[in-house]
Amino acid sequence: MPDERDHEDERSLDAGEIVTVAPALVDEMGGYLYVVIDGFDDPRYTLARLGGDGYQWPNVAREHLIPVAPERIIRVDGADGEAAYIPG
């Protein structure tokens, strides 16, 4: 999992971008890949877990999001039994 101090990409995010969350949110959200659904009240975003059940995480602060472009992704079972994806 990337360390939030390692990323310097603080630009605004667009809908459809793939991100992971900083270590501060891993316990709550898991170390999975997420898709940016919408940005509102920038710098806060709504996310959905890639491969998840459609649940949306609203109001996630930009400082906790790390844009990623993995060369490949791996399907895993999330803690809730739903499909999820992680960088490969």
Protein backbone atom coordinates (compact mmCIF):
# COMPACT_ATOMS: atom_id res chain seq x y z
CA MET A 1 0.00 0.00 0.00
CA PRO A 2 1.47 3.38 -0.92
CA ASP A 3 2.32 5.74 1.91
CA GLU A 4 0.42 9.03 1.72
CA ARG A 5 3.72 10.90 2.18
CA ASP A 6 5.06 9.31 -1.02
CA HIS A 7 2.57 10.89 -3.38
CA GLU A 8 2.85 14.43 -4.58
CA ASP A 9 -0.03 14.35 -7.07
CA GLU A 10 -2.48 16.79 -5.48
CA ARG A 11 -4.37 17.75 -8.64
CA SER A 12 -8.15 17.57 -8.81
CA LEU A 13 -9.45 14.14 -9.77
CA ASP A 14 -11.85 13.34 -12.60
CA ALA A 15 -14.75 10.91 -12.54
CA GLY A 16 -13.54 7.49 -13.67
CA GLU A 17 -10.03 7.75 -12.24
CA ILE A 18 -8.73 4.81 -10.24
CA VAL A 19 -7.42 5.55 -6.76
CA THR A 20 -6.44 3.81 -3.57
CA VAL A 21 -6.75 5.26 -0.10
CA ALA A 22 -4.04 6.49 2.24
CA PRO A 23 -3.09 4.38 5.27
CA ALA A 24 -5.34 6.52 7.49
CA LEU A 25 -8.44 5.03 5.79
CA VAL A 26 -7.32 1.45 5.15
CA ASP A 27 -8.87 0.12 8.37
CA GLU A 28 -12.23 1.61 7.43
CA MET A 29 -12.24 1.14 3.65
CA GLY A 30 -9.70 -1.61 2.99
CA GLY A 31 -6.65 -1.50 0.76
CA TYR A 32 -8.62 -1.90 -2.46
CA LEU A 33 -8.92 0.04 -5.69
CA TYR A 34 -11.70 2.60 -5.97
CA VAL A 35 -13.24 4.54 -8.85
CA VAL A 36 -13.91 8.25 -8.48
CA ILE A 37 -17.65 8.67 -9.06
CA ASP A 38 -17.99 12.39 -8.51
CA GLY A 39 -16.20 15.36 -7.07
CA PHE A 40 -18.15 17.85 -5.04
CA ASP A 41 -17.19 20.61 -2.70
CA ASP A 42 -13.64 20.04 -3.99
CA PRO A 43 -11.47 18.65 -2.46
CA ARG A 44 -13.97 15.92 -1.43
CA TYR A 45 -14.97 13.01 -3.63
CA THR A 46 -17.43 10.14 -3.86
CA LEU A 47 -15.86 6.72 -4.48
CA ALA A 48 -17.08 3.23 -5.31
CA ARG A 49 -14.99 0.11 -4.79
CA LEU A 50 -13.86 -1.35 -8.11
CA GLY A 51 -15.77 -4.63 -8.47
CA GLY A 52 -17.83 -3.95 -5.36
CA ASP A 53 -21.56 -3.97 -4.77
CA GLY A 54 -22.10 -0.35 -5.80
CA TYR A 55 -21.85 1.13 -2.31
CA GLN A 56 -20.54 4.68 -2.53
CA TRP A 57 -18.18 6.31 -0.04
CA PRO A 58 -19.11 10.03 0.00
CA ASN A 59 -17.06 12.98 1.24
CA VAL A 60 -13.62 11.38 1.06
CA ALA A 61 -11.00 14.11 1.39
CA ARG A 62 -8.55 14.49 -1.50
CA GLU A 63 -5.62 14.27 0.91
CA HIS A 64 -6.57 10.62 1.55
CA LEU A 65 -6.70 9.60 -2.12
CA ILE A 66 -3.76 8.32 -4.11
CA PRO A 67 -4.22 8.16 -7.90
CA VAL A 68 -2.89 4.90 -9.34
CA ALA A 69 -2.42 3.44 -12.79
CA PRO A 70 -1.53 -0.18 -12.12
CA GLU A 71 -0.24 -2.24 -15.02
CA ARG A 72 -2.50 -5.01 -13.79
CA ILE A 73 -5.05 -5.60 -11.10
CA ILE A 74 -5.82 -8.70 -9.07
CA ARG A 75 -9.32 -9.83 -8.07
CA VAL A 76 -9.68 -10.67 -4.38
CA ASP A 77 -12.56 -11.32 -2.02
CA GLY A 78 -13.15 -8.34 0.25
CA ALA A 79 -13.66 -8.72 3.99
CA ASP A 80 -17.42 -8.47 3.30
CA GLY A 81 -17.29 -11.33 0.80
CA GLU A 82 -17.79 -9.05 -2.21
CA ALA A 83 -15.34 -8.95 -5.10
CA ALA A 84 -12.65 -6.30 -4.91
CA TYR A 85 -9.46 -5.44 -6.76
CA ILE A 86 -5.97 -4.52 -5.65
CA PRO A 87 -2.93 -3.31 -7.63
CA GLY A 88 -0.96 -6.25 -9.01
